[in-house]
């Protein structure tokens, strides 16, 4: 069992918080949290004590959130798009 460094634990916490905000559709706070998430990804991937297998698993989960966010934004935008014609 690998020891997970603090940089990865912080990334995990932030990813869970983003998931919660997505679930609640808290759009106003998602953008700010996303900037923090990107910084934590940079820190975790550059951490010399990183646990590569666990980090890849966490990054996979983060990518899933981005996929979910893209999907929600696409369909949310389509609901409000009314072409004139």
PDB file of N, CA and C in Angstrom:
ATOM      1  N   UNK A   1       0.839  -1.175   0.000  1.00  0.00           N
ATOM      2  CA  UNK A   1       0.000   0.000   0.000  1.00  0.00           C
ATOM      3  C   UNK A   1       0.883   1.238   0.000  1.00  0.00           C
ATOM      4  N   UNK A   2       0.616   2.128  -0.928  1.00  0.00           N
ATOM      5  CA  UNK A   2       1.413   3.346  -1.049  1.00  0.00           C
ATOM      6  C   UNK A   2       0.968   4.389  -0.033  1.00  0.00           C
ATOM      7  N   UNK A   3       1.914   5.171   0.405  1.00  0.00           N
ATOM      8  CA  UNK A   3       1.602   6.303   1.267  1.00  0.00           C
ATOM      9  C   UNK A   3       1.259   7.462   0.349  1.00  0.00           C
ATOM     10  N   UNK A   4       0.107   8.059   0.564  1.00  0.00           N
ATOM     11  CA  UNK A   4      -0.368   9.151  -0.281  1.00  0.00           C
ATOM     12  C   UNK A   4       0.131  10.476   0.306  1.00  0.00           C
ATOM     13  N   UNK A   5       0.879  11.255  -0.483  1.00  0.00           N
ATOM     14  CA  UNK A   5       1.383  12.536   0.029  1.00  0.00           C
ATOM     15  C   UNK A   5       0.268  13.570   0.184  1.00  0.00           C
ATOM     16  N   UNK A   6       0.547  14.581   0.971  1.00  0.00           N
ATOM     17  CA  UNK A   6      -0.435  15.636   1.250  1.00  0.00           C
ATOM     18  C   UNK A   6      -0.907  16.333  -0.023  1.00  0.00           C
ATOM     19  N   UNK A   7      -0.024  16.474  -1.010  1.00  0.00           N
ATOM     20  CA  UNK A   7      -0.419  17.150  -2.249  1.00  0.00           C
ATOM     21  C   UNK A   7      -1.550  16.391  -2.941  1.00  0.00           C
ATOM     22  N   UNK A   8      -1.494  15.070  -2.909  1.00  0.00           N
ATOM     23  CA  UNK A   8      -2.545  14.268  -3.525  1.00  0.00           C
ATOM     24  C   UNK A   8      -3.811  14.256  -2.677  1.00  0.00           C
ATOM     25  N   UNK A   9      -3.658  14.269  -1.364  1.00  0.00           N
ATOM     26  CA  UNK A   9      -4.831  14.325  -0.490  1.00  0.00           C
ATOM     27  C   UNK A   9      -5.588  15.636  -0.692  1.00  0.00           C
ATOM     28  N   UNK A  10      -4.848  16.734  -0.845  1.00  0.00           N
ATOM     29  CA  UNK A  10      -5.485  18.033  -1.103  1.00  0.00           C
ATOM     30  C   UNK A  10      -6.221  17.997  -2.439  1.00  0.00           C
ATOM     31  N   UNK A  11      -5.630  17.368  -3.436  1.00  0.00           N
ATOM     32  CA  UNK A  11      -6.273  17.223  -4.741  1.00  0.00           C
ATOM     33  C   UNK A  11      -7.556  16.403  -4.616  1.00  0.00           C
ATOM     34  N   UNK A  12      -7.514  15.342  -3.844  1.00  0.00           N
ATOM     35  CA  UNK A  12      -8.698  14.500  -3.642  1.00  0.00           C
ATOM     36  C   UNK A  12      -9.825  15.295  -2.972  1.00  0.00           C
ATOM     37  N   UNK A  13      -9.484  16.076  -1.953  1.00  0.00           N
ATOM     38  CA  UNK A  13     -10.497  16.881  -1.255  1.00  0.00           C
ATOM     39  C   UNK A  13     -11.142  17.892  -2.201  1.00  0.00           C
ATOM     40  N   UNK A  14     -10.315  18.538  -2.997  1.00  0.00           N
ATOM     41  CA  UNK A  14     -10.826  19.530  -3.937  1.00  0.00           C
ATOM     42  C   UNK A  14     -11.687  18.884  -5.018  1.00  0.00           C
ATOM     43  N   UNK A  15     -11.291  17.719  -5.477  1.00  0.00           N
ATOM     44  CA  UNK A  15     -12.084  16.999  -6.475  1.00  0.00           C
ATOM     45  C   UNK A  15     -13.447  16.631  -5.905  1.00  0.00           C
ATOM     46  N   UNK A  16     -13.480  16.174  -4.654  1.00  0.00           N
ATOM     47  CA  UNK A  16     -14.760  15.847  -4.021  1.00  0.00           C
ATOM     48  C   UNK A  16     -15.635  17.088  -3.857  1.00  0.00           C
ATOM     49  N   UNK A  17     -15.016  18.212  -3.535  1.00  0.00           N
ATOM     50  CA  UNK A  17     -15.770  19.455  -3.391  1.00  0.00           C
ATOM     51  C   UNK A  17     -16.340  19.894  -4.740  1.00  0.00           C
ATOM     52  N   UNK A  18     -15.555  19.756  -5.797  1.00  0.00           N
ATOM     53  CA  UNK A  18     -16.056  20.087  -7.127  1.00  0.00           C
ATOM     54  C   UNK A  18     -17.205  19.166  -7.514  1.00  0.00           C
ATOM     55  N   UNK A  19     -17.092  17.886  -7.184  1.00  0.00           N
ATOM     56  CA  UNK A  19     -18.174  16.944  -7.471  1.00  0.00           C
ATOM     57  C   UNK A  19     -19.459  17.370  -6.758  1.00  0.00           C
ATOM     58  N   UNK A  20     -19.325  17.773  -5.511  1.00  0.00           N
ATOM     59  CA  UNK A  20     -20.491  18.204  -4.743  1.00  0.00           C
ATOM     60  C   UNK A  20     -21.120  19.447  -5.368  1.00  0.00           C
ATOM     61  N   UNK A  21     -20.299  20.387  -5.789  1.00  0.00           N
ATOM     62  CA  UNK A  21     -20.826  21.606  -6.407  1.00  0.00           C
ATOM     63  C   UNK A  21     -21.470  21.315  -7.757  1.00  0.00           C
ATOM     64  N   UNK A  22     -20.914  20.372  -8.493  1.00  0.00           N
ATOM     65  CA  UNK A  22     -21.548  19.961  -9.747  1.00  0.00           C
ATOM     66  C   UNK A  22     -22.894  19.301  -9.477  1.00  0.00           C
ATOM     67  N   UNK A  23     -22.929  18.430  -8.498  1.00  0.00           N
ATOM     68  CA  UNK A  23     -24.176  17.759  -8.146  1.00  0.00           C
ATOM     69  C   UNK A  23     -25.257  18.762  -7.747  1.00  0.00           C
ATOM     70  N   UNK A  24     -24.838  19.833  -7.062  1.00  0.00           N
ATOM     71  CA  UNK A  24     -25.775  20.869  -6.613  1.00  0.00           C
ATOM     72  C   UNK A  24     -25.974  21.970  -7.653  1.00  0.00           C
ATOM     73  N   UNK A  25     -25.262  21.859  -8.776  1.00  0.00           N
ATOM     74  CA  UNK A  25     -25.293  22.870  -9.844  1.00  0.00           C
ATOM     75  C   UNK A  25     -25.019  24.264  -9.291  1.00  0.00           C
ATOM     76  N   UNK A  26     -23.996  24.356  -8.471  1.00  0.00           N
ATOM     77  CA  UNK A  26     -23.562  25.613  -7.853  1.00  0.00           C
ATOM     78  C   UNK A  26     -22.587  26.303  -8.811  1.00  0.00           C
ATOM     79  N   UNK A  27     -23.125  26.830  -9.914  1.00  0.00           N
ATOM     80  CA  UNK A  27     -22.294  27.355 -11.001  1.00  0.00           C
ATOM     81  C   UNK A  27     -21.428  28.523 -10.569  1.00  0.00           C
ATOM     82  N   UNK A  28     -21.896  29.352  -9.649  1.00  0.00           N
ATOM     83  CA  UNK A  28     -21.152  30.548  -9.270  1.00  0.00           C
ATOM     84  C   UNK A  28     -19.812  30.230  -8.604  1.00  0.00           C
ATOM     85  N   UNK A  29     -19.721  29.095  -7.955  1.00  0.00           N
ATOM     86  CA  UNK A  29     -18.473  28.784  -7.255  1.00  0.00           C
ATOM     87  C   UNK A  29     -17.605  27.766  -8.003  1.00  0.00           C
ATOM     88  N   UNK A  30     -18.115  27.190  -9.068  1.00  0.00           N
ATOM     89  CA  UNK A  30     -17.351  26.163  -9.792  1.00  0.00           C
ATOM     90  C   UNK A  30     -16.116  26.753 -10.456  1.00  0.00           C
ATOM     91  N   UNK A  31     -16.225  27.935 -11.074  1.00  0.00           N
ATOM     92  CA  UNK A  31     -15.089  28.530 -11.782  1.00  0.00           C
ATOM     93  C   UNK A  31     -13.911  28.784 -10.843  1.00  0.00           C
ATOM     94  N   UNK A  32     -14.175  29.346  -9.676  1.00  0.00           N
ATOM     95  CA  UNK A  32     -13.102  29.620  -8.721  1.00  0.00           C
ATOM     96  C   UNK A  32     -12.478  28.323  -8.223  1.00  0.00           C
ATOM     97  N   UNK A  33     -13.310  27.341  -7.968  1.00  0.00           N
ATOM     98  CA  UNK A  33     -12.801  26.059  -7.485  1.00  0.00           C
ATOM     99  C   UNK A  33     -11.981  25.357  -8.568  1.00  0.00           C
ATOM    100  N   UNK A  34     -12.369  25.527  -9.812  1.00  0.00           N
ATOM    101  CA  UNK A  34     -11.638  24.907 -10.912  1.00  0.00           C
ATOM    102  C   UNK A  34     -10.213  25.457 -11.005  1.00  0.00           C
ATOM    103  N   UNK A  35     -10.055  26.760 -10.790  1.00  0.00           N
ATOM    104  CA  UNK A  35      -8.702  27.341 -10.787  1.00  0.00           C
ATOM    105  C   UNK A  35      -7.855  26.705  -9.689  1.00  0.00           C
ATOM    106  N   UNK A  36      -8.437  26.539  -8.512  1.00  0.00           N
ATOM    107  CA  UNK A  36      -7.715  25.893  -7.414  1.00  0.00           C
ATOM    108  C   UNK A  36      -7.377  24.450  -7.759  1.00  0.00           C
ATOM    109  N   UNK A  37      -8.311  23.761  -8.389  1.00  0.00           N
ATOM    110  CA  UNK A  37      -8.092  22.370  -8.772  1.00  0.00           C
ATOM    111  C   UNK A  37      -6.922  22.258  -9.740  1.00  0.00           C
ATOM    112  N   UNK A  38      -6.855  23.159 -10.712  1.00  0.00           N
ATOM    113  CA  UNK A  38      -5.743  23.134 -11.665  1.00  0.00           C
ATOM    114  C   UNK A  38      -4.404  23.338 -10.966  1.00  0.00           C
ATOM    115  N   UNK A  39      -4.367  24.222  -9.996  1.00  0.00           N
ATOM    116  CA  UNK A  39      -3.128  24.450  -9.237  1.00  0.00           C
ATOM    117  C   UNK A  39      -2.753  23.203  -8.435  1.00  0.00           C
ATOM    118  N   UNK A  40      -3.734  22.557  -7.822  1.00  0.00           N
ATOM    119  CA  UNK A  40      -3.456  21.351  -7.048  1.00  0.00           C
ATOM    120  C   UNK A  40      -3.004  20.197  -7.947  1.00  0.00           C
ATOM    121  N   UNK A  41      -3.521  20.135  -9.155  1.00  0.00           N
ATOM    122  CA  UNK A  41      -3.046  19.118 -10.108  1.00  0.00           C
ATOM    123  C   UNK A  41      -1.575  19.355 -10.407  1.00  0.00           C
ATOM    124  N   UNK A  42      -1.215  20.613 -10.647  1.00  0.00           N
ATOM    125  CA  UNK A  42       0.188  20.944 -10.939  1.00  0.00           C
ATOM    126  C   UNK A  42       1.094  20.560  -9.761  1.00  0.00           C
ATOM    127  N   UNK A  43       0.669  20.901  -8.570  1.00  0.00           N
ATOM    128  CA  UNK A  43       1.478  20.605  -7.383  1.00  0.00           C
ATOM    129  C   UNK A  43       1.622  19.095  -7.189  1.00  0.00           C
ATOM    130  N   UNK A  44       0.519  18.362  -7.299  1.00  0.00           N
ATOM    131  CA  UNK A  44       0.548  16.912  -7.076  1.00  0.00           C
ATOM    132  C   UNK A  44       1.391  16.191  -8.122  1.00  0.00           C
ATOM    133  N   UNK A  45       1.307  16.632  -9.372  1.00  0.00           N
ATOM    134  CA  UNK A  45       2.076  15.946 -10.416  1.00  0.00           C
ATOM    135  C   UNK A  45       3.566  16.269 -10.337  1.00  0.00           C
ATOM    136  N   UNK A  46       3.908  17.398  -9.739  1.00  0.00           N
ATOM    137  CA  UNK A  46       5.317  17.764  -9.591  1.00  0.00           C
ATOM    138  C   UNK A  46       5.913  17.335  -8.253  1.00  0.00           C
ATOM    139  N   UNK A  47       5.114  16.769  -7.381  1.00  0.00           N
ATOM    140  CA  UNK A  47       5.579  16.347  -6.059  1.00  0.00           C
ATOM    141  C   UNK A  47       6.514  15.137  -6.214  1.00  0.00           C
ATOM    142  N   UNK A  48       7.764  15.252  -5.768  1.00  0.00           N
ATOM    143  CA  UNK A  48       8.685  14.123  -5.899  1.00  0.00           C
ATOM    144  C   UNK A  48       8.254  12.908  -5.064  1.00  0.00           C
ATOM    145  N   UNK A  49       7.416  13.110  -4.067  1.00  0.00           N
ATOM    146  CA  UNK A  49       6.950  12.002  -3.226  1.00  0.00           C
ATOM    147  C   UNK A  49       5.628  11.419  -3.720  1.00  0.00           C
ATOM    148  N   UNK A  50       5.196  11.814  -4.913  1.00  0.00           N
ATOM    149  CA  UNK A  50       3.891  11.370  -5.422  1.00  0.00           C
ATOM    150  C   UNK A  50       3.828   9.850  -5.526  1.00  0.00           C
ATOM    151  N   UNK A  51       2.617   9.341  -5.379  1.00  0.00           N
ATOM    152  CA  UNK A  51       2.350   7.911  -5.569  1.00  0.00           C
ATOM    153  C   UNK A  51       1.732   7.785  -6.967  1.00  0.00           C
ATOM    154  N   UNK A  52       2.531   7.398  -7.962  1.00  0.00           N
ATOM    155  CA  UNK A  52       2.084   7.472  -9.357  1.00  0.00           C
ATOM    156  C   UNK A  52       0.767   6.752  -9.650  1.00  0.00           C
ATOM    157  N   UNK A  53       0.602   5.548  -9.161  1.00  0.00           N
ATOM    158  CA  UNK A  53      -0.612   4.793  -9.454  1.00  0.00           C
ATOM    159  C   UNK A  53      -1.842   5.480  -8.855  1.00  0.00           C
ATOM    160  N   UNK A  54      -1.743   5.924  -7.621  1.00  0.00           N
ATOM    161  CA  UNK A  54      -2.852   6.615  -6.965  1.00  0.00           C
ATOM    162  C   UNK A  54      -3.124   7.959  -7.641  1.00  0.00           C
ATOM    163  N   UNK A  55      -2.073   8.651  -8.051  1.00  0.00           N
ATOM    164  CA  UNK A  55      -2.238   9.938  -8.715  1.00  0.00           C
ATOM    165  C   UNK A  55      -2.947   9.758 -10.058  1.00  0.00           C
ATOM    166  N   UNK A  56      -2.572   8.743 -10.816  1.00  0.00           N
ATOM    167  CA  UNK A  56      -3.250   8.481 -12.086  1.00  0.00           C
ATOM    168  C   UNK A  56      -4.729   8.167 -11.874  1.00  0.00           C
ATOM    169  N   UNK A  57      -5.041   7.421 -10.833  1.00  0.00           N
ATOM    170  CA  UNK A  57      -6.437   7.135 -10.511  1.00  0.00           C
ATOM    171  C   UNK A  57      -7.201   8.398 -10.174  1.00  0.00           C
ATOM    172  N   UNK A  58      -6.576   9.276  -9.426  1.00  0.00           N
ATOM    173  CA  UNK A  58      -7.222  10.537  -9.055  1.00  0.00           C
ATOM    174  C   UNK A  58      -7.405  11.431 -10.282  1.00  0.00           C
ATOM    175  N   UNK A  59      -6.398  11.470 -11.141  1.00  0.00           N
ATOM    176  CA  UNK A  59      -6.516  12.273 -12.359  1.00  0.00           C
ATOM    177  C   UNK A  59      -7.609  11.738 -13.275  1.00  0.00           C
ATOM    178  N   UNK A  60      -7.801  10.436 -13.281  1.00  0.00           N
ATOM    179  CA  UNK A  60      -8.892   9.838 -14.052  1.00  0.00           C
ATOM    180  C   UNK A  60     -10.243  10.337 -13.521  1.00  0.00           C
ATOM    181  N   UNK A  61     -10.359  10.412 -12.205  1.00  0.00           N
ATOM    182  CA  UNK A  61     -11.604  10.920 -11.604  1.00  0.00           C
ATOM    183  C   UNK A  61     -11.815  12.394 -11.936  1.00  0.00           C
ATOM    184  N   UNK A  62     -10.733  13.170 -11.925  1.00  0.00           N
ATOM    185  CA  UNK A  62     -10.824  14.588 -12.268  1.00  0.00           C
ATOM    186  C   UNK A  62     -11.274  14.735 -13.718  1.00  0.00           C
ATOM    187  N   UNK A  63     -10.727  13.926 -14.612  1.00  0.00           N
ATOM    188  CA  UNK A  63     -11.127  13.984 -16.017  1.00  0.00           C
ATOM    189  C   UNK A  63     -12.601  13.616 -16.169  1.00  0.00           C
ATOM    190  N   UNK A  64     -13.083  12.693 -15.374  1.00  0.00           N
ATOM    191  CA  UNK A  64     -14.501  12.353 -15.385  1.00  0.00           C
ATOM    192  C   UNK A  64     -15.366  13.534 -14.978  1.00  0.00           C
ATOM    193  N   UNK A  65     -14.876  14.319 -14.010  1.00  0.00           N
ATOM    194  CA  UNK A  65     -15.609  15.522 -13.603  1.00  0.00           C
ATOM    195  C   UNK A  65     -15.651  16.545 -14.731  1.00  0.00           C
ATOM    196  N   UNK A  66     -14.525  16.691 -15.429  1.00  0.00           N
ATOM    197  CA  UNK A  66     -14.509  17.624 -16.557  1.00  0.00           C
ATOM    198  C   UNK A  66     -15.452  17.157 -17.658  1.00  0.00           C
ATOM    199  N   UNK A  67     -15.528  15.872 -17.876  1.00  0.00           N
ATOM    200  CA  UNK A  67     -16.464  15.338 -18.854  1.00  0.00           C
ATOM    201  C   UNK A  67     -17.901  15.656 -18.417  1.00  0.00           C
ATOM    202  N   UNK A  68     -18.182  15.450 -17.139  1.00  0.00           N
ATOM    203  CA  UNK A  68     -19.513  15.750 -16.604  1.00  0.00           C
ATOM    204  C   UNK A  68     -19.817  17.243 -16.722  1.00  0.00           C
ATOM    205  N   UNK A  69     -18.849  18.086 -16.402  1.00  0.00           N
ATOM    206  CA  UNK A  69     -19.028  19.528 -16.476  1.00  0.00           C
ATOM    207  C   UNK A  69     -19.296  19.963 -17.917  1.00  0.00           C
ATOM    208  N   UNK A  70     -18.543  19.416 -18.855  1.00  0.00           N
ATOM    209  CA  UNK A  70     -18.750  19.737 -20.269  1.00  0.00           C
ATOM    210  C   UNK A  70     -20.142  19.326 -20.714  1.00  0.00           C
ATOM    211  N   UNK A  71     -20.551  18.151 -20.314  1.00  0.00           N
ATOM    212  CA  UNK A  71     -21.873  17.637 -20.663  1.00  0.00           C
ATOM    213  C   UNK A  71     -22.964  18.553 -20.096  1.00  0.00           C
ATOM    214  N   UNK A  72     -22.842  18.929 -18.819  1.00  0.00           N
ATOM    215  CA  UNK A  72     -23.839  19.793 -18.195  1.00  0.00           C
ATOM    216  C   UNK A  72     -23.880  21.167 -18.850  1.00  0.00           C
ATOM    217  N   UNK A  73     -22.721  21.722 -19.158  1.00  0.00           N
ATOM    218  CA  UNK A  73     -22.681  23.039 -19.795  1.00  0.00           C
ATOM    219  C   UNK A  73     -23.307  22.984 -21.186  1.00  0.00           C
ATOM    220  N   UNK A  74     -23.026  21.922 -21.924  1.00  0.00           N
ATOM    221  CA  UNK A  74     -23.568  21.779 -23.275  1.00  0.00           C
ATOM    222  C   UNK A  74     -25.090  21.725 -23.237  1.00  0.00           C
ATOM    223  N   UNK A  75     -25.624  20.859 -22.403  1.00  0.00           N
ATOM    224  CA  UNK A  75     -27.076  20.716 -22.363  1.00  0.00           C
ATOM    225  C   UNK A  75     -27.760  21.893 -21.681  1.00  0.00           C
ATOM    226  N   UNK A  76     -27.100  22.492 -20.703  1.00  0.00           N
ATOM    227  CA  UNK A  76     -27.659  23.678 -20.059  1.00  0.00           C
ATOM    228  C   UNK A  76     -27.732  24.822 -21.067  1.00  0.00           C
ATOM    229  N   UNK A  77     -26.695  24.966 -21.884  1.00  0.00           N
ATOM    230  CA  UNK A  77     -26.673  26.002 -22.910  1.00  0.00           C
ATOM    231  C   UNK A  77     -27.727  25.767 -23.972  1.00  0.00           C
ATOM    232  N   UNK A  78     -27.967  24.519 -24.327  1.00  0.00           N
ATOM    233  CA  UNK A  78     -28.962  24.203 -25.353  1.00  0.00           C
ATOM    234  C   UNK A  78     -30.377  24.508 -24.851  1.00  0.00           C
ATOM    235  N   UNK A  79     -30.601  24.362 -23.555  1.00  0.00           N
ATOM    236  CA  UNK A  79     -31.918  24.676 -22.999  1.00  0.00           C
ATOM    237  C   UNK A  79     -32.256  26.154 -23.171  1.00  0.00           C
ATOM    238  N   UNK A  80     -31.224  26.992 -23.125  1.00  0.00           N
ATOM    239  CA  UNK A  80     -31.436  28.433 -23.167  1.00  0.00           C
ATOM    240  C   UNK A  80     -31.172  29.031 -24.532  1.00  0.00           C
ATOM    241  N   UNK A  81     -30.853  28.203 -25.516  1.00  0.00           N
ATOM    242  CA  UNK A  81     -30.565  28.694 -26.856  1.00  0.00           C
ATOM    243  C   UNK A  81     -31.842  28.634 -27.684  1.00  0.00           C
ATOM    244  N   UNK A  82     -32.274  29.788 -28.142  1.00  0.00           N
ATOM    245  CA  UNK A  82     -33.485  29.873 -28.953  1.00  0.00           C
ATOM    246  C   UNK A  82     -33.133  30.608 -30.233  1.00  0.00           C
ATOM    247  N   UNK A  83     -32.816  29.900 -31.296  1.00  0.00           N
ATOM    248  CA  UNK A  83     -32.433  30.571 -32.536  1.00  0.00           C
ATOM    249  C   UNK A  83     -33.597  31.379 -33.106  1.00  0.00           C
ATOM    250  N   UNK A  84     -33.258  32.508 -33.625  1.00  0.00           N
ATOM    251  CA  UNK A  84     -34.275  33.344 -34.253  1.00  0.00           C
ATOM    252  C   UNK A  84     -34.433  32.897 -35.702  1.00  0.00           C
ATOM    253  N   UNK A  85     -35.615  32.794 -36.171  1.00  0.00           N
ATOM    254  CA  UNK A  85     -35.755  32.349 -37.544  1.00  0.00           C
ATOM    255  C   UNK A  85     -37.116  32.314 -38.059  1.00  0.00           C
TER     256      UNK A  85
END
